Amino acid sequence: MLSFFRIARNTFLESIREPIFFIMLYCAFFIIGNLPGLTLFVFFQQLKMVIDSSLATTMVGGMLILTLSASNTVAREMRNGTVLLLMSKPVPRYVFIGAKICGIIFTGAVFCFLCNMGTFVSVFTASDQFWFNTWTYVGFFVAIFLAAMFGLFMNFWRNSSFSEMTVKGALVALPVLAIICRIFCEKPEVSLPNVSSAMVLVFFSVAIMGTLAVIFAVKFDVVANLVLCAIMFFAGLMSNYLFDPSEPKGNIVLDFLSNFLYSVLPNWQYFWMADSVALGRIIPPIYLVYSLGYTLLYIVICSFWAMALFQVREIAKDAR
């Protein structure tokens, strides 16, 4: 069990130390932070566009960063012989791959949490159709600037990872800013608990994609992994249209194949509740419970699949 936690922790730290994590995170910050200004004068659709775009940025950015992180921490370690060194110690293969999945999912949790804090601030910034709250807008960019300066200082003073220290700084600065906005700013026209529920559902989708990325990383390199994850993403988005079992195809084989693909592919539409938030429809707590069950079941099944693939994978050949 100790080996499991150590591998998961090292996977998480290695992922957030990658420069691509910092780049993707700050690109998401830049997009989310500027949405209130970009959506001015849209006649009572500003909040809807801010929430939709922020959640979409979080979902797509989280899936992309987890795909890259999985390729770096699994496929790369197979190439440079790190996995072979671990397997020479009393670390079972299933422990290794399970810890990798947990570390990748936790990386996605941090990415989604920081983007969601930025979304909260943007919701308070988009307080009117014809102007936005300048104080919260400036405060957001000051907060992420201070987080980057903290990372720069720690990198210079203690030779720590710039990306890791910046993430830790943002984990302090953005929640504090969100709390300040909640206390002192005018309450937005949307339900904040409802927005939080939509954010949790987005994280569920990111966690599923992270697990799939680890599965593909066992067999494929980064480019193939990105292509396969992109296929899973777009196929899952269109699964209701392509493989809806309520619409028979007129052929037994096609019906069976359609039902099979509809069951296997993750349906990302289950996790997209931005429209409901914008329209003021409350997301029931029971829906979150069902979605959590769906997510956990999918992750568990995919984890067994990854363990089975890794169990028969020849590692020594990759380290030569």
C-alpha atoms as a PDB file:
ATOM      1  CA  MET A   1       0.000   0.000   0.000  1.00  0.00           C
ATOM      2  CA  LEU A   2       2.898   2.349   0.745  1.00  0.00           C
ATOM      3  CA  SER A   3       4.294   1.727  -2.746  1.00  0.00           C
ATOM      4  CA  PHE A   4       0.891   2.567  -4.221  1.00  0.00           C
ATOM      5  CA  PHE A   5       0.740   5.967  -2.513  1.00  0.00           C
ATOM      6  CA  ARG A   6       4.352   6.777  -3.364  1.00  0.00           C
ATOM      7  CA  ILE A   7       3.886   5.994  -7.047  1.00  0.00           C
ATOM      8  CA  ALA A   8       0.603   7.949  -7.160  1.00  0.00           C
ATOM      9  CA  ARG A   9       2.219  10.914  -5.415  1.00  0.00           C
ATOM     10  CA  ASN A  10       5.250  10.877  -7.713  1.00  0.00           C
ATOM     11  CA  THR A  11       2.966  10.651 -10.755  1.00  0.00           C
ATOM     12  CA  PHE A  12       1.007  13.682  -9.599  1.00  0.00           C
ATOM     13  CA  LEU A  13       4.124  15.726  -8.815  1.00  0.00           C
ATOM     14  CA  GLU A  14       5.783  14.771 -12.085  1.00  0.00           C
ATOM     15  CA  SER A  15       2.654  15.767 -13.998  1.00  0.00           C
ATOM     16  CA  ILE A  16       2.296  19.228 -12.473  1.00  0.00           C
ATOM     17  CA  ARG A  17       6.038  19.833 -12.868  1.00  0.00           C
ATOM     18  CA  GLU A  18       5.807  19.436 -16.622  1.00  0.00           C
ATOM     19  CA  PRO A  19       5.995  22.782 -18.469  1.00  0.00           C
ATOM     20  CA  ILE A  20       3.000  21.768 -20.590  1.00  0.00           C
ATOM     21  CA  PHE A  21       0.833  21.679 -17.449  1.00  0.00           C
ATOM     22  CA  PHE A  22       1.745  25.275 -16.632  1.00  0.00           C
ATOM     23  CA  ILE A  23       1.193  26.375 -20.245  1.00  0.00           C
ATOM     24  CA  MET A  24      -2.205  24.691 -20.518  1.00  0.00           C
ATOM     25  CA  LEU A  25      -3.304  25.976 -17.113  1.00  0.00           C
ATOM     26  CA  TYR A  26      -2.416  29.575 -17.849  1.00  0.00           C
ATOM     27  CA  CYS A  27      -3.939  29.405 -21.324  1.00  0.00           C
ATOM     28  CA  ALA A  28      -7.164  28.268 -19.645  1.00  0.00           C
ATOM     29  CA  PHE A  29      -6.829  31.108 -17.119  1.00  0.00           C
ATOM     30  CA  PHE A  30      -6.382  33.638 -19.922  1.00  0.00           C
ATOM     31  CA  ILE A  31      -9.460  32.377 -21.772  1.00  0.00           C
ATOM     32  CA  ILE A  32     -11.684  32.128 -18.680  1.00  0.00           C
ATOM     33  CA  GLY A  33     -10.549  35.468 -17.266  1.00  0.00           C
ATOM     34  CA  ASN A  34     -11.260  37.375 -20.480  1.00  0.00           C
ATOM     35  CA  LEU A  35     -14.658  35.834 -21.195  1.00  0.00           C
ATOM     36  CA  PRO A  36     -16.659  38.545 -19.351  1.00  0.00           C
ATOM     37  CA  GLY A  37     -15.138  41.230 -21.572  1.00  0.00           C
ATOM     38  CA  LEU A  38     -15.545  39.198 -24.755  1.00  0.00           C
ATOM     39  CA  THR A  39     -19.240  38.566 -24.080  1.00  0.00           C
ATOM     40  CA  LEU A  40     -20.365  42.134 -23.454  1.00  0.00           C
ATOM     41  CA  PHE A  41     -23.426  43.472 -25.338  1.00  0.00           C
ATOM     42  CA  VAL A  42     -24.934  40.051 -26.054  1.00  0.00           C
ATOM     43  CA  PHE A  43     -28.346  41.000 -24.616  1.00  0.00           C
ATOM     44  CA  PHE A  44     -28.924  38.883 -21.513  1.00  0.00           C
ATOM     45  CA  GLN A  45     -26.745  35.999 -22.700  1.00  0.00           C
ATOM     46  CA  GLN A  46     -23.492  37.105 -21.075  1.00  0.00           C
ATOM     47  CA  LEU A  47     -23.608  34.769 -18.068  1.00  0.00           C
ATOM     48  CA  LYS A  48     -24.677  31.841 -20.228  1.00  0.00           C
ATOM     49  CA  MET A  49     -21.771  32.351 -22.596  1.00  0.00           C
ATOM     50  CA  VAL A  50     -19.299  32.794 -19.725  1.00  0.00           C
ATOM     51  CA  ILE A  51     -20.435  29.598 -18.010  1.00  0.00           C
ATOM     52  CA  ASP A  52     -20.637  27.567 -21.236  1.00  0.00           C
ATOM     53  CA  SER A  53     -17.226  28.678 -22.466  1.00  0.00           C
ATOM     54  CA  SER A  54     -15.553  28.291 -19.067  1.00  0.00           C
ATOM     55  CA  LEU A  55     -16.848  24.751 -18.566  1.00  0.00           C
ATOM     56  CA  ALA A  56     -15.911  23.823 -22.140  1.00  0.00           C
ATOM     57  CA  THR A  57     -12.398  25.202 -21.607  1.00  0.00           C
ATOM     58  CA  THR A  58     -12.070  23.211 -18.391  1.00  0.00           C
ATOM     59  CA  MET A  59     -13.320  19.981 -19.967  1.00  0.00           C
ATOM     60  CA  VAL A  60     -11.256  20.104 -23.163  1.00  0.00           C
ATOM     61  CA  GLY A  61      -8.144  21.470 -21.425  1.00  0.00           C
ATOM     62  CA  GLY A  62      -8.383  18.876 -18.652  1.00  0.00           C
ATOM     63  CA  MET A  63      -8.767  16.008 -21.085  1.00  0.00           C
ATOM     64  CA  LEU A  64      -5.839  17.221 -23.168  1.00  0.00           C
ATOM     65  CA  ILE A  65      -3.499  17.736 -20.225  1.00  0.00           C
ATOM     66  CA  LEU A  66      -4.315  14.314 -18.766  1.00  0.00           C
ATOM     67  CA  THR A  67      -3.678  12.650 -22.112  1.00  0.00           C
ATOM     68  CA  LEU A  68      -0.256  14.294 -22.316  1.00  0.00           C
ATOM     69  CA  SER A  69       0.497  13.547 -18.660  1.00  0.00           C
ATOM     70  CA  ALA A  70      -0.398   9.877 -19.076  1.00  0.00           C
ATOM     71  CA  SER A  71       1.900   9.610 -22.088  1.00  0.00           C
ATOM     72  CA  ASN A  72       4.733  11.275 -20.179  1.00  0.00           C
ATOM     73  CA  THR A  73       4.424   9.209 -17.002  1.00  0.00           C
ATOM     74  CA  VAL A  74       3.678   5.790 -18.519  1.00  0.00           C
ATOM     75  CA  ALA A  75       4.948   5.587 -22.101  1.00  0.00           C
ATOM     76  CA  ARG A  76       8.096   7.598 -21.395  1.00  0.00           C
ATOM     77  CA  GLU A  77       8.968   5.568 -18.293  1.00  0.00           C
ATOM     78  CA  MET A  78       8.719   2.423 -20.389  1.00  0.00           C
ATOM     79  CA  ARG A  79      11.162   3.875 -22.899  1.00  0.00           C
ATOM     80  CA  ASN A  80      13.776   5.097 -20.396  1.00  0.00           C
ATOM     81  CA  GLY A  81      13.712   1.961 -18.211  1.00  0.00           C
ATOM     82  CA  THR A  82      12.153   3.466 -15.078  1.00  0.00           C
ATOM     83  CA  VAL A  83       9.357   0.878 -15.117  1.00  0.00           C
ATOM     84  CA  LEU A  84      11.887  -1.943 -15.421  1.00  0.00           C
ATOM     85  CA  LEU A  85      13.671  -0.631 -12.314  1.00  0.00           C
ATOM     86  CA  LEU A  86      10.403  -0.522 -10.372  1.00  0.00           C
ATOM     87  CA  MET A  87       9.431  -4.024 -11.476  1.00  0.00           C
ATOM     88  CA  SER A  88      12.758  -5.331 -10.109  1.00  0.00           C
ATOM     89  CA  LYS A  89      11.479  -4.375  -6.652  1.00  0.00           C
ATOM     90  CA  PRO A  90       8.484  -5.988  -4.873  1.00  0.00           C
ATOM     91  CA  VAL A  91       5.987  -3.785  -6.702  1.00  0.00           C
ATOM     92  CA  PRO A  92       3.249  -5.739  -8.514  1.00  0.00           C
ATOM     93  CA  ARG A  93       2.268  -4.528 -11.953  1.00  0.00           C
ATOM     94  CA  TYR A  94      -1.334  -3.927 -10.945  1.00  0.00           C
ATOM     95  CA  VAL A  95      -0.160  -1.662  -8.107  1.00  0.00           C
ATOM     96  CA  PHE A  96       1.970   0.338 -10.524  1.00  0.00           C
ATOM     97  CA  ILE A  97      -0.760   0.907 -13.098  1.00  0.00           C
ATOM     98  CA  GLY A  98      -3.441   1.548 -10.449  1.00  0.00           C
ATOM     99  CA  ALA A  99      -1.250   4.171  -8.782  1.00  0.00           C
ATOM    100  CA  LYS A 100      -0.591   5.801 -12.145  1.00  0.00           C
ATOM    101  CA  ILE A 101      -4.323   6.102 -12.770  1.00  0.00           C
ATOM    102  CA  CYS A 102      -4.909   7.640  -9.332  1.00  0.00           C
ATOM    103  CA  GLY A 103      -2.060  10.111  -9.803  1.00  0.00           C
ATOM    104  CA  ILE A 104      -3.365  11.159 -13.222  1.00  0.00           C
ATOM    105  CA  ILE A 105      -6.914  11.606 -11.893  1.00  0.00           C
ATOM    106  CA  PHE A 106      -5.638  13.743  -9.014  1.00  0.00           C
ATOM    107  CA  THR A 107      -3.750  15.876 -11.540  1.00  0.00           C
ATOM    108  CA  GLY A 108      -7.031  16.404 -13.370  1.00  0.00           C
ATOM    109  CA  ALA A 109      -8.727  17.302 -10.078  1.00  0.00           C
ATOM    110  CA  VAL A 110      -6.197  20.080  -9.444  1.00  0.00           C
ATOM    111  CA  PHE A 111      -6.527  21.413 -12.994  1.00  0.00           C
ATOM    112  CA  CYS A 112     -10.334  21.423 -12.826  1.00  0.00           C
ATOM    113  CA  PHE A 113     -10.361  22.979  -9.347  1.00  0.00           C
ATOM    114  CA  LEU A 114      -8.175  25.897 -10.421  1.00  0.00           C
ATOM    115  CA  CYS A 115     -10.175  26.454 -13.614  1.00  0.00           C
ATOM    116  CA  ASN A 116     -13.391  26.297 -11.593  1.00  0.00           C
ATOM    117  CA  MET A 117     -12.107  28.945  -9.192  1.00  0.00           C
ATOM    118  CA  GLY A 118     -11.393  31.101 -12.225  1.00  0.00           C
ATOM    119  CA  THR A 119     -14.920  30.411 -13.477  1.00  0.00           C
ATOM    120  CA  PHE A 120     -16.389  31.579 -10.154  1.00  0.00           C
ATOM    121  CA  VAL A 121     -14.470  34.837 -10.409  1.00  0.00           C
ATOM    122  CA  SER A 122     -15.580  35.305 -14.039  1.00  0.00           C
ATOM    123  CA  VAL A 123     -19.210  34.753 -13.035  1.00  0.00           C
ATOM    124  CA  PHE A 124     -18.911  37.574 -10.496  1.00  0.00           C
ATOM    125  CA  THR A 125     -17.106  39.713 -13.073  1.00  0.00           C
ATOM    126  CA  ALA A 126     -19.938  39.340 -15.615  1.00  0.00           C
ATOM    127  CA  SER A 127     -22.360  41.242 -13.420  1.00  0.00           C
ATOM    128  CA  ASP A 128     -24.063  43.322 -16.122  1.00  0.00           C
ATOM    129  CA  GLN A 129     -24.806  43.183 -19.833  1.00  0.00           C
ATOM    130  CA  PHE A 130     -23.047  46.454 -20.658  1.00  0.00           C
ATOM    131  CA  TRP A 131     -20.099  46.521 -18.249  1.00  0.00           C
ATOM    132  CA  PHE A 132     -18.147  44.111 -16.090  1.00  0.00           C
ATOM    133  CA  ASN A 133     -16.694  44.308 -12.600  1.00  0.00           C
ATOM    134  CA  THR A 134     -13.236  45.772 -13.148  1.00  0.00           C
ATOM    135  CA  TRP A 135     -12.054  44.988  -9.628  1.00  0.00           C
ATOM    136  CA  THR A 136     -12.638  41.244  -9.895  1.00  0.00           C
ATOM    137  CA  TYR A 137     -11.262  41.204 -13.440  1.00  0.00           C
ATOM    138  CA  VAL A 138      -8.027  42.880 -12.372  1.00  0.00           C
ATOM    139  CA  GLY A 139      -7.930  40.848  -9.162  1.00  0.00           C
ATOM    140  CA  PHE A 140      -8.035  37.591 -11.109  1.00  0.00           C
ATOM    141  CA  PHE A 141      -5.033  38.450 -13.262  1.00  0.00           C
ATOM    142  CA  VAL A 142      -3.170  39.862 -10.259  1.00  0.00           C
ATOM    143  CA  ALA A 143      -3.779  36.571  -8.413  1.00  0.00           C
ATOM    144  CA  ILE A 144      -2.406  34.382 -11.200  1.00  0.00           C
ATOM    145  CA  PHE A 145       0.486  36.825 -11.697  1.00  0.00           C
ATOM    146  CA  LEU A 146       1.381  36.586  -8.002  1.00  0.00           C
ATOM    147  CA  ALA A 147       1.189  32.798  -8.219  1.00  0.00           C
ATOM    148  CA  ALA A 148       3.639  32.858 -11.131  1.00  0.00           C
ATOM    149  CA  MET A 149       5.930  35.234  -9.229  1.00  0.00           C
ATOM    150  CA  PHE A 150       5.844  32.874  -6.259  1.00  0.00           C
ATOM    151  CA  GLY A 151       6.880  30.025  -8.547  1.00  0.00           C
ATOM    152  CA  LEU A 152       9.657  32.169 -10.024  1.00  0.00           C
ATOM    153  CA  PHE A 153      10.928  33.156  -6.577  1.00  0.00           C
ATOM    154  CA  MET A 154      10.915  29.565  -5.295  1.00  0.00           C
ATOM    155  CA  ASN A 155      12.639  28.377  -8.455  1.00  0.00           C
ATOM    156  CA  PHE A 156      15.379  30.990  -8.004  1.00  0.00           C
ATOM    157  CA  TRP A 157      15.726  30.758  -4.220  1.00  0.00           C
ATOM    158  CA  ARG A 158      15.324  27.008  -3.606  1.00  0.00           C
ATOM    159  CA  ASN A 159      15.693  25.588  -7.131  1.00  0.00           C
ATOM    160  CA  SER A 160      12.165  24.181  -6.882  1.00  0.00           C
ATOM    161  CA  SER A 161      10.045  23.384  -9.925  1.00  0.00           C
ATOM    162  CA  PHE A 162       8.598  26.608 -11.308  1.00  0.00           C
ATOM    163  CA  SER A 163       5.438  24.893 -12.541  1.00  0.00           C
ATOM    164  CA  GLU A 164       4.834  23.060  -9.256  1.00  0.00           C
ATOM    165  CA  MET A 165       5.318  26.153  -7.114  1.00  0.00           C
ATOM    166  CA  THR A 166       3.101  28.214  -9.408  1.00  0.00           C
ATOM    167  CA  VAL A 167       0.325  25.648  -9.081  1.00  0.00           C
ATOM    168  CA  LYS A 168       0.678  25.689  -5.294  1.00  0.00           C
ATOM    169  CA  GLY A 169       0.554  29.469  -5.302  1.00  0.00           C
ATOM    170  CA  ALA A 170      -2.587  29.423  -7.449  1.00  0.00           C
ATOM    171  CA  LEU A 171      -4.171  26.872  -5.094  1.00  0.00           C
ATOM    172  CA  VAL A 172      -3.936  29.521  -2.379  1.00  0.00           C
ATOM    173  CA  ALA A 173      -4.557  32.745  -4.338  1.00  0.00           C
ATOM    174  CA  LEU A 174      -7.603  31.761  -6.413  1.00  0.00           C
ATOM    175  CA  PRO A 175      -9.740  30.236  -3.629  1.00  0.00           C
ATOM    176  CA  VAL A 176      -9.030  33.319  -1.488  1.00  0.00           C
ATOM    177  CA  LEU A 177     -10.093  35.571  -4.368  1.00  0.00           C
ATOM    178  CA  ALA A 178     -13.255  33.491  -4.941  1.00  0.00           C
ATOM    179  CA  ILE A 179     -14.175  33.802  -1.244  1.00  0.00           C
ATOM    180  CA  ILE A 180     -13.611  37.573  -1.362  1.00  0.00           C
ATOM    181  CA  CYS A 181     -15.853  37.826  -4.424  1.00  0.00           C
ATOM    182  CA  ARG A 182     -18.539  35.775  -2.695  1.00  0.00           C
ATOM    183  CA  ILE A 183     -18.510  38.038   0.358  1.00  0.00           C
ATOM    184  CA  PHE A 184     -18.163  41.503  -1.151  1.00  0.00           C
ATOM    185  CA  CYS A 185     -19.490  41.287  -4.731  1.00  0.00           C
ATOM    186  CA  GLU A 186     -23.065  41.474  -5.893  1.00  0.00           C
ATOM    187  CA  LYS A 187     -24.691  38.058  -6.117  1.00  0.00           C
ATOM    188  CA  PRO A 188     -24.885  36.840  -9.750  1.00  0.00           C
ATOM    189  CA  GLU A 189     -28.140  35.875 -11.419  1.00  0.00           C
ATOM    190  CA  VAL A 190     -27.277  32.172 -11.417  1.00  0.00           C
ATOM    191  CA  SER A 191     -27.314  29.650  -8.586  1.00  0.00           C
ATOM    192  CA  LEU A 192     -23.730  29.168  -7.386  1.00  0.00           C
ATOM    193  CA  PRO A 193     -24.454  25.676  -5.936  1.00  0.00           C
ATOM    194  CA  ASN A 194     -25.846  24.764  -9.350  1.00  0.00           C
ATOM    195  CA  VAL A 195     -22.670  26.040 -11.021  1.00  0.00           C
ATOM    196  CA  SER A 196     -20.630  23.971  -8.556  1.00  0.00           C
ATOM    197  CA  SER A 197     -22.614  20.845  -9.467  1.00  0.00           C
ATOM    198  CA  ALA A 198     -21.921  21.439 -13.169  1.00  0.00           C
ATOM    199  CA  MET A 199     -18.211  21.824 -12.372  1.00  0.00           C
ATOM    200  CA  VAL A 200     -18.177  18.531 -10.467  1.00  0.00           C
ATOM    201  CA  LEU A 201     -19.744  16.785 -13.459  1.00  0.00           C
ATOM    202  CA  VAL A 202     -17.059  18.235 -15.733  1.00  0.00           C
ATOM    203  CA  PHE A 203     -14.395  16.779 -13.440  1.00  0.00           C
ATOM    204  CA  PHE A 204     -16.064  13.358 -13.705  1.00  0.00           C
ATOM    205  CA  SER A 205     -15.661  13.471 -17.484  1.00  0.00           C
ATOM    206  CA  VAL A 206     -12.028  14.539 -17.183  1.00  0.00           C
ATOM    207  CA  ALA A 207     -11.339  11.660 -14.758  1.00  0.00           C
ATOM    208  CA  ILE A 208     -12.767   9.134 -17.235  1.00  0.00           C
ATOM    209  CA  MET A 209     -10.635  10.526 -20.063  1.00  0.00           C
ATOM    210  CA  GLY A 210      -7.541  10.376 -17.833  1.00  0.00           C
ATOM    211  CA  THR A 211      -8.168   6.681 -17.182  1.00  0.00           C
ATOM    212  CA  LEU A 212      -8.585   6.004 -20.897  1.00  0.00           C
ATOM    213  CA  ALA A 213      -5.360   7.895 -21.584  1.00  0.00           C
ATOM    214  CA  VAL A 214      -3.468   5.608 -19.190  1.00  0.00           C
ATOM    215  CA  ILE A 215      -4.886   2.543 -20.976  1.00  0.00           C
ATOM    216  CA  PHE A 216      -3.711   3.818 -24.355  1.00  0.00           C
ATOM    217  CA  ALA A 217      -0.332   4.881 -22.911  1.00  0.00           C
ATOM    218  CA  VAL A 218       0.370   1.252 -21.980  1.00  0.00           C
ATOM    219  CA  LYS A 219       0.440   0.327 -25.674  1.00  0.00           C
ATOM    220  CA  PHE A 220       0.980   3.554 -27.620  1.00  0.00           C
ATOM    221  CA  ASP A 221       3.163   6.638 -27.675  1.00  0.00           C
ATOM    222  CA  VAL A 222       2.001  10.216 -27.229  1.00  0.00           C
ATOM    223  CA  VAL A 223       0.805  10.904 -30.795  1.00  0.00           C
ATOM    224  CA  ALA A 224      -1.233   7.720 -31.058  1.00  0.00           C
ATOM    225  CA  ASN A 225      -2.570   8.333 -27.561  1.00  0.00           C
ATOM    226  CA  LEU A 226      -3.770  11.812 -28.528  1.00  0.00           C
ATOM    227  CA  VAL A 227      -5.447  10.482 -31.673  1.00  0.00           C
ATOM    228  CA  LEU A 228      -7.224   7.662 -29.823  1.00  0.00           C
ATOM    229  CA  CYS A 229      -8.387   9.980 -27.039  1.00  0.00           C
ATOM    230  CA  ALA A 230      -9.666  12.456 -29.640  1.00  0.00           C
ATOM    231  CA  ILE A 231     -11.617   9.644 -31.318  1.00  0.00           C
ATOM    232  CA  MET A 232     -13.103   8.611 -27.961  1.00  0.00           C
ATOM    233  CA  PHE A 233     -14.026  12.217 -27.222  1.00  0.00           C
ATOM    234  CA  PHE A 234     -15.821  12.928 -30.497  1.00  0.00           C
ATOM    235  CA  ALA A 235     -17.440   9.467 -30.644  1.00  0.00           C
ATOM    236  CA  GLY A 236     -18.698   9.926 -27.080  1.00  0.00           C
ATOM    237  CA  LEU A 237     -20.121  13.351 -27.934  1.00  0.00           C
ATOM    238  CA  MET A 238     -22.077  11.880 -30.851  1.00  0.00           C
ATOM    239  CA  SER A 239     -23.010   8.536 -29.296  1.00  0.00           C
ATOM    240  CA  ASN A 240     -26.652   9.574 -28.791  1.00  0.00           C
ATOM    241  CA  TYR A 241     -26.903  10.434 -32.467  1.00  0.00           C
ATOM    242  CA  LEU A 242     -24.865   7.539 -33.882  1.00  0.00           C
ATOM    243  CA  PHE A 243     -25.663   4.611 -31.589  1.00  0.00           C
ATOM    244  CA  ASP A 244     -28.975   5.394 -29.888  1.00  0.00           C
ATOM    245  CA  PRO A 245     -30.449   1.946 -29.066  1.00  0.00           C
ATOM    246  CA  SER A 246     -34.001   3.335 -29.163  1.00  0.00           C
ATOM    247  CA  GLU A 247     -33.684   3.654 -32.948  1.00  0.00           C
ATOM    248  CA  PRO A 248     -33.287   0.176 -34.514  1.00  0.00           C
ATOM    249  CA  LYS A 249     -31.015  -0.046 -37.532  1.00  0.00           C
ATOM    250  CA  GLY A 250     -33.057  -2.810 -39.217  1.00  0.00           C
ATOM    251  CA  ASN A 251     -30.280  -5.395 -38.951  1.00  0.00           C
ATOM    252  CA  ILE A 252     -29.455  -7.731 -36.070  1.00  0.00           C
ATOM    253  CA  VAL A 253     -25.701  -7.299 -36.446  1.00  0.00           C
ATOM    254  CA  LEU A 254     -25.937  -3.519 -36.728  1.00  0.00           C
ATOM    255  CA  ASP A 255     -28.288  -3.349 -33.759  1.00  0.00           C
ATOM    256  CA  PHE A 256     -25.925  -5.441 -31.642  1.00  0.00           C
ATOM    257  CA  LEU A 257     -22.912  -3.375 -32.707  1.00  0.00           C
ATOM    258  CA  SER A 258     -24.781  -0.141 -32.064  1.00  0.00           C
ATOM    259  CA  ASN A 259     -25.866  -1.253 -28.576  1.00  0.00           C
ATOM    260  CA  PHE A 260     -22.352  -2.429 -27.793  1.00  0.00           C
ATOM    261  CA  LEU A 261     -20.723   0.847 -28.833  1.00  0.00           C
ATOM    262  CA  TYR A 262     -23.385   2.862 -27.014  1.00  0.00           C
ATOM    263  CA  SER A 263     -22.595   0.928 -23.818  1.00  0.00           C
ATOM    264  CA  VAL A 264     -18.806   1.012 -24.161  1.00  0.00           C
ATOM    265  CA  LEU A 265     -18.251   4.607 -25.239  1.00  0.00           C
ATOM    266  CA  PRO A 266     -18.385   7.223 -22.469  1.00  0.00           C
ATOM    267  CA  ASN A 267     -21.334   9.522 -23.094  1.00  0.00           C
ATOM    268  CA  TRP A 268     -19.956  12.997 -22.405  1.00  0.00           C
ATOM    269  CA  GLN A 269     -23.420  14.523 -22.699  1.00  0.00           C
ATOM    270  CA  TYR A 270     -24.235  13.094 -19.266  1.00  0.00           C
ATOM    271  CA  PHE A 271     -21.657  15.448 -17.765  1.00  0.00           C
ATOM    272  CA  TRP A 272     -22.558  18.612 -19.669  1.00  0.00           C
ATOM    273  CA  MET A 273     -25.016  20.646 -17.608  1.00  0.00           C
ATOM    274  CA  ALA A 274     -24.019  24.178 -18.647  1.00  0.00           C
ATOM    275  CA  ASP A 275     -27.322  24.722 -20.463  1.00  0.00           C
ATOM    276  CA  SER A 276     -29.303  23.714 -17.389  1.00  0.00           C
ATOM    277  CA  VAL A 277     -27.295  26.137 -15.240  1.00  0.00           C
ATOM    278  CA  ALA A 278     -27.830  29.016 -17.664  1.00  0.00           C
ATOM    279  CA  LEU A 279     -31.582  28.333 -17.829  1.00  0.00           C
ATOM    280  CA  GLY A 280     -31.892  28.193 -14.052  1.00  0.00           C
ATOM    281  CA  ARG A 281     -32.760  24.503 -13.870  1.00  0.00           C
ATOM    282  CA  ILE A 282     -31.553  22.915 -10.659  1.00  0.00           C
ATOM    283  CA  ILE A 283     -29.277  19.888 -11.016  1.00  0.00           C
ATOM    284  CA  PRO A 284     -30.718  17.333  -8.557  1.00  0.00           C
ATOM    285  CA  PRO A 285     -28.266  15.861  -6.020  1.00  0.00           C
ATOM    286  CA  ILE A 286     -29.389  12.376  -7.031  1.00  0.00           C
ATOM    287  CA  TYR A 287     -28.113  13.093 -10.553  1.00  0.00           C
ATOM    288  CA  LEU A 288     -24.661  13.769  -9.091  1.00  0.00           C
ATOM    289  CA  VAL A 289     -24.857  10.473  -7.204  1.00  0.00           C
ATOM    290  CA  TYR A 290     -25.798   8.543 -10.357  1.00  0.00           C
ATOM    291  CA  SER A 291     -23.055  10.301 -12.325  1.00  0.00           C
ATOM    292  CA  LEU A 292     -20.522   9.466  -9.626  1.00  0.00           C
ATOM    293  CA  GLY A 293     -21.577   5.819  -9.767  1.00  0.00           C
ATOM    294  CA  TYR A 294     -21.274   5.816 -13.559  1.00  0.00           C
ATOM    295  CA  THR A 295     -17.831   7.428 -13.333  1.00  0.00           C
ATOM    296  CA  LEU A 296     -16.521   5.059 -10.664  1.00  0.00           C
ATOM    297  CA  LEU A 297     -17.824   2.007 -12.533  1.00  0.00           C
ATOM    298  CA  TYR A 298     -16.228   3.196 -15.769  1.00  0.00           C
ATOM    299  CA  ILE A 299     -12.912   3.945 -14.058  1.00  0.00           C
ATOM    300  CA  VAL A 300     -12.859   0.573 -12.283  1.00  0.00           C
ATOM    301  CA  ILE A 301     -13.592  -1.364 -15.485  1.00  0.00           C
ATOM    302  CA  CYS A 302     -10.987   0.637 -17.423  1.00  0.00           C
ATOM    303  CA  SER A 303      -8.460   0.134 -14.600  1.00  0.00           C
ATOM    304  CA  PHE A 304      -8.844  -3.649 -14.851  1.00  0.00           C
ATOM    305  CA  TRP A 305      -8.438  -3.336 -18.604  1.00  0.00           C
ATOM    306  CA  ALA A 306      -5.231  -1.303 -18.167  1.00  0.00           C
ATOM    307  CA  MET A 307      -3.891  -3.796 -15.604  1.00  0.00           C
ATOM    308  CA  ALA A 308      -4.576  -6.700 -17.973  1.00  0.00           C
ATOM    309  CA  LEU A 309      -2.777  -4.948 -20.826  1.00  0.00           C
ATOM    310  CA  PHE A 310       0.164  -3.987 -18.638  1.00  0.00           C
ATOM    311  CA  GLN A 311       0.379  -7.509 -17.200  1.00  0.00           C
ATOM    312  CA  VAL A 312       1.250  -8.975 -20.603  1.00  0.00           C
ATOM    313  CA  ARG A 313       3.331  -6.012 -21.768  1.00  0.00           C
ATOM    314  CA  GLU A 314       7.026  -6.783 -22.394  1.00  0.00           C
ATOM    315  CA  ILE A 315       8.879  -4.012 -20.586  1.00  0.00           C
ATOM    316  CA  ALA A 316      12.513  -4.957 -21.100  1.00  0.00           C
ATOM    317  CA  LYS A 317      12.248  -4.476 -24.870  1.00  0.00           C
ATOM    318  CA  ASP A 318      11.336  -0.777 -24.422  1.00  0.00           C
ATOM    319  CA  ALA A 319      14.339  -0.070 -22.231  1.00  0.00           C
ATOM    320  CA  ARG A 320      16.967  -1.212 -24.715  1.00  0.00           C
END
